[in-house]
Amino acid sequence: MRILVAEDQPVSRHLLAASLRKWGYDVVAVEDGTRAWATLQSHDAPQLVILDWLMPGMDGVEICRQIRKTPRARSFYVILLTARREQEDKVRGLQSGADDYVTKPFDREELRARVQVGTRVLELQGALAQRVRELEEAISRVKTLQGLLPICSYCKKIRNDGNYWQQVEAYISDHSEAQFSHGICPECYARIVQPELDRLHAPAEDRP
């Protein structure tokens, strides 16, 4: 998991990056909001983002708003980092589009736990997106039968689009993903198979 850290204070930025690397994360650290936003627009942008609220260029709240306005970037998980502790500040930060809020000076174990939550959310989002892609691919492969099918009243063959007559199973196999396993219904067994068996087992002189 790659994490973007945007923090203008060198000491705080170093502590953040060092802690995250110690926990096994790949860290991209920048010192202002403009560089943070440019990084988030790259094709391989980190999916988890830790933003300082007050930074030169774009501040953290402004970046959150831009993320939520950009369809490709909406899946980012954003943790807003700030010294602001008032309840209205937390509400404002979350309403701007942040997923979580951590106050400075941050507690390392609390930050670690919140990053772990973000990681789990992103992993679940990734798994869900993969399932959606698989379902879309499956649906695109499914062919459906629609409309009226001309069928012979006697032999039950179906007339296809090329004006040729096909057996029902051949036509359905060509127009859907269905496969057939053949059997004998009770009616046909009694009407066709049983008389044939009786004939075969009858004494020779009684056979027609």
Protein backbone atom coordinates (compact mmCIF):
# COMPACT_ATOMS: atom_id res chain seq x y z
CA MET A 1 0.00 0.00 0.00
CA ARG A 2 1.38 3.39 -1.05
CA ILE A 3 0.52 6.43 1.06
CA LEU A 4 0.80 10.10 0.15
CA VAL A 5 1.81 12.39 3.00
CA ALA A 6 1.34 16.12 2.44
CA GLU A 7 2.76 18.18 5.33
CA ASP A 8 4.55 21.53 5.12
CA GLN A 9 6.37 21.24 8.46
CA PRO A 10 9.61 19.26 7.88
CA VAL A 11 9.77 17.67 11.35
CA SER A 12 6.15 16.51 11.27
CA ARG A 13 6.54 15.28 7.68
CA HIS A 14 9.63 13.29 8.62
CA LEU A 15 7.95 11.72 11.67
CA LEU A 16 4.93 10.74 9.63
CA ALA A 17 6.93 9.23 6.80
CA ALA A 18 9.29 7.39 9.17
CA SER A 19 6.42 5.89 11.16
CA LEU A 20 4.56 4.75 8.07
CA ARG A 21 7.66 3.18 6.55
CA LYS A 22 8.35 1.37 9.82
CA TRP A 23 4.84 -0.12 9.60
CA GLY A 24 5.58 -1.44 6.13
CA TYR A 25 4.02 1.22 3.88
CA ASP A 26 5.53 2.80 0.79
CA VAL A 27 5.49 6.58 1.36
CA VAL A 28 5.40 9.52 -1.04
CA ALA A 29 6.01 12.74 0.94
CA VAL A 30 5.42 16.27 -0.37
CA GLU A 31 5.63 19.66 1.32
CA ASP A 32 2.64 21.58 -0.05
CA GLY A 33 -0.87 21.20 -1.40
CA THR A 34 -0.01 21.99 -5.00
CA ARG A 35 2.46 19.08 -5.20
CA ALA A 36 -0.01 16.85 -3.37
CA TRP A 37 -2.76 17.54 -5.91
CA ALA A 38 -0.35 17.00 -8.81
CA THR A 39 0.67 13.63 -7.32
CA LEU A 40 -2.96 12.59 -6.92
CA GLN A 41 -3.60 13.23 -10.61
CA SER A 42 -0.88 10.82 -11.76
CA HIS A 43 -1.91 7.42 -13.14
CA ASP A 44 -0.22 5.55 -10.26
CA ALA A 45 -1.32 7.88 -7.45
CA PRO A 46 -1.33 6.45 -3.89
CA GLN A 47 -4.85 5.46 -2.83
CA LEU A 48 -4.43 6.40 0.82
CA VAL A 49 -3.75 10.08 1.52
CA ILE A 50 -2.76 11.94 4.71
CA LEU A 51 -3.23 15.68 4.30
CA ASP A 52 -2.28 18.55 6.59
CA TRP A 53 -5.12 21.05 6.78
CA LEU A 54 -2.99 24.21 6.50
CA MET A 55 -0.40 24.11 3.69
CA PRO A 56 0.99 26.50 1.08
CA GLY A 57 -0.79 26.36 -2.26
CA MET A 58 -3.94 24.24 -1.84
CA ASP A 59 -4.87 23.40 1.75
CA GLY A 60 -6.08 19.97 2.84
CA VAL A 61 -9.77 20.87 2.83
CA GLU A 62 -9.55 22.28 -0.70
CA ILE A 63 -7.81 19.11 -1.91
CA CYS A 64 -10.55 16.99 -0.31
CA ARG A 65 -13.19 18.95 -2.19
CA GLN A 66 -11.33 18.56 -5.47
CA ILE A 67 -10.94 14.82 -4.90
CA ARG A 68 -14.68 14.33 -4.40
CA LYS A 69 -15.41 16.35 -7.54
CA THR A 70 -13.10 14.19 -9.68
CA PRO A 71 -14.64 10.82 -10.67
CA ARG A 72 -11.28 9.05 -11.05
CA ALA A 73 -10.10 10.27 -7.63
CA ARG A 74 -13.25 9.56 -5.61
CA SER A 75 -11.94 6.20 -4.44
CA PHE A 76 -9.04 7.76 -2.49
CA TYR A 77 -9.16 7.31 1.28
CA VAL A 78 -8.25 10.64 2.90
CA ILE A 79 -7.13 11.28 6.47
CA LEU A 80 -7.06 14.97 7.38
CA LEU A 81 -4.31 15.93 9.85
CA THR A 82 -4.63 19.19 11.77
CA ALA A 83 -4.05 21.00 15.05
CA ARG A 84 -7.66 22.20 14.99
CA ARG A 85 -9.54 20.41 17.75
CA GLU A 86 -12.92 22.15 17.78
CA GLN A 87 -15.94 20.02 16.96
CA GLU A 88 -17.03 22.36 14.16
CA ASP A 89 -13.58 22.00 12.57
CA LYS A 90 -13.89 18.21 12.56
CA VAL A 91 -17.34 18.47 11.01
CA ARG A 92 -16.09 20.90 8.37
CA GLY A 93 -13.16 18.64 7.54
CA LEU A 94 -15.34 15.56 7.15
CA GLN A 95 -17.95 17.46 5.15
CA SER A 96 -15.23 18.57 2.75
CA GLY A 97 -14.72 14.93 1.79
CA ALA A 98 -12.18 13.57 4.28
CA ASP A 99 -12.78 9.99 5.43
CA ASP A 100 -11.08 10.44 8.80
CA TYR A 101 -9.65 13.18 11.01
CA VAL A 102 -6.53 13.07 13.22
CA THR A 103 -5.44 15.95 15.47
CA LYS A 104 -1.84 17.09 15.99
CA PRO A 105 0.34 16.29 17.76
CA PHE A 106 -0.74 12.84 16.63
CA ASP A 107 -0.55 9.69 18.70
CA ARG A 108 1.42 7.10 16.70
CA GLU A 109 -0.73 4.12 17.67
CA GLU A 110 -3.95 6.00 16.96
CA LEU A 111 -2.63 7.03 13.55
CA ARG A 112 -1.54 3.45 12.85
CA ALA A 113 -5.01 2.15 13.71
CA ARG A 114 -6.70 4.72 11.48
CA VAL A 115 -4.35 3.94 8.60
CA GLN A 116 -5.16 0.24 9.03
CA VAL A 117 -8.87 1.07 8.79
CA GLY A 118 -8.23 2.98 5.57
CA THR A 119 -6.23 0.08 4.17
CA ARG A 120 -9.06 -2.37 4.89
CA VAL A 121 -11.61 -0.06 3.27
CA LEU A 122 -9.47 0.27 0.13
CA GLU A 123 -8.94 -3.50 -0.04
CA LEU A 124 -12.69 -4.09 0.20
CA GLN A 125 -13.32 -1.47 -2.49
CA GLY A 126 -10.77 -3.16 -4.74
CA ALA A 127 -12.33 -6.60 -4.22
CA LEU A 128 -15.80 -5.21 -4.90
CA ALA A 129 -14.63 -3.43 -8.06
CA GLN A 130 -13.09 -6.69 -9.29
CA ARG A 131 -16.34 -8.58 -8.70
CA VAL A 132 -18.28 -5.88 -10.56
CA ARG A 133 -15.89 -6.18 -13.53
CA GLU A 134 -16.28 -9.96 -13.54
CA LEU A 135 -20.07 -9.69 -13.46
CA GLU A 136 -20.08 -7.12 -16.27
CA GLU A 137 -17.89 -9.40 -18.38
CA ALA A 138 -20.16 -12.36 -17.66
CA ILE A 139 -23.27 -10.38 -18.57
CA SER A 140 -21.68 -9.17 -21.80
CA ARG A 141 -21.06 -12.79 -22.80
CA VAL A 142 -24.63 -13.92 -22.17
CA LYS A 143 -26.84 -14.02 -25.23
CA THR A 144 -30.61 -13.83 -24.77
CA LEU A 145 -33.43 -15.15 -26.93
CA GLN A 146 -36.04 -12.53 -27.71
CA GLY A 147 -39.00 -12.10 -30.04
CA LEU A 148 -41.04 -14.69 -31.94
CA LEU A 149 -39.45 -17.99 -32.99
CA PRO A 150 -40.97 -19.70 -36.07
CA ILE A 151 -41.31 -23.39 -35.15
CA CYS A 152 -42.62 -26.27 -37.24
CA SER A 153 -45.88 -27.67 -35.91
CA TYR A 154 -44.85 -31.22 -36.82
CA CYS A 155 -41.10 -31.76 -36.38
CA LYS A 156 -40.55 -28.85 -33.95
CA LYS A 157 -37.60 -27.45 -35.90
CA ILE A 158 -36.95 -23.71 -35.62
CA ARG A 159 -36.38 -21.41 -38.59
CA ASN A 160 -33.25 -19.35 -38.05
CA ASP A 161 -32.31 -15.89 -39.32
CA GLY A 162 -30.90 -17.39 -42.52
CA ASN A 163 -34.26 -19.05 -43.30
CA TYR A 164 -32.85 -22.52 -42.52
CA TRP A 165 -34.57 -24.98 -40.22
CA GLN A 166 -32.67 -26.27 -37.19
CA GLN A 167 -33.37 -28.63 -34.33
CA VAL A 168 -34.44 -26.75 -31.19
CA GLU A 169 -31.28 -27.63 -29.26
CA ALA A 170 -29.02 -26.52 -32.12
CA TYR A 171 -30.79 -23.18 -32.40
CA ILE A 172 -30.67 -22.50 -28.64
CA SER A 173 -26.99 -23.50 -28.45
CA ASP A 174 -26.20 -20.98 -31.21
CA HIS A 175 -28.08 -18.17 -29.49
CA SER A 176 -27.33 -18.69 -25.81
CA GLU A 177 -24.85 -20.16 -23.35
CA ALA A 178 -27.13 -23.12 -22.60
CA GLN A 179 -25.92 -26.69 -22.96
CA PHE A 180 -28.08 -29.78 -23.30
CA SER A 181 -28.07 -33.18 -21.64
CA HIS A 182 -30.59 -35.49 -23.27
CA GLY A 183 -33.11 -37.65 -21.48
CA ILE A 184 -36.55 -39.19 -22.06
CA CYS A 185 -39.69 -37.76 -20.55
CA PRO A 186 -42.28 -40.21 -19.05
CA GLU A 187 -44.75 -39.54 -21.86
CA CYS A 188 -42.27 -40.40 -24.61
CA TYR A 189 -41.04 -43.41 -22.67
CA ALA A 190 -44.57 -44.81 -22.43
CA ARG A 191 -45.49 -43.91 -26.02
CA ILE A 192 -42.26 -44.79 -27.87
CA VAL A 193 -39.64 -46.59 -25.75
CA GLN A 194 -41.81 -49.06 -23.85
CA PRO A 195 -43.61 -50.38 -26.95
CA GLU A 196 -40.21 -50.87 -28.62
CA LEU A 197 -38.89 -52.78 -25.60
CA ASP A 198 -42.03 -54.88 -25.50
CA ARG A 199 -41.57 -55.67 -29.17
CA LEU A 200 -37.95 -56.70 -28.71
CA HIS A 201 -38.78 -58.96 -25.78
CA ALA A 202 -41.81 -60.55 -27.38
CA PRO A 203 -41.51 -64.11 -28.78
CA ALA A 204 -40.40 -64.10 -32.38
CA GLU A 205 -43.72 -65.44 -33.61
CA ASP A 206 -45.57 -62.53 -31.93
CA ARG A 207 -43.40 -59.79 -33.42
CA PRO A 208 -44.93 -57.72 -36.21
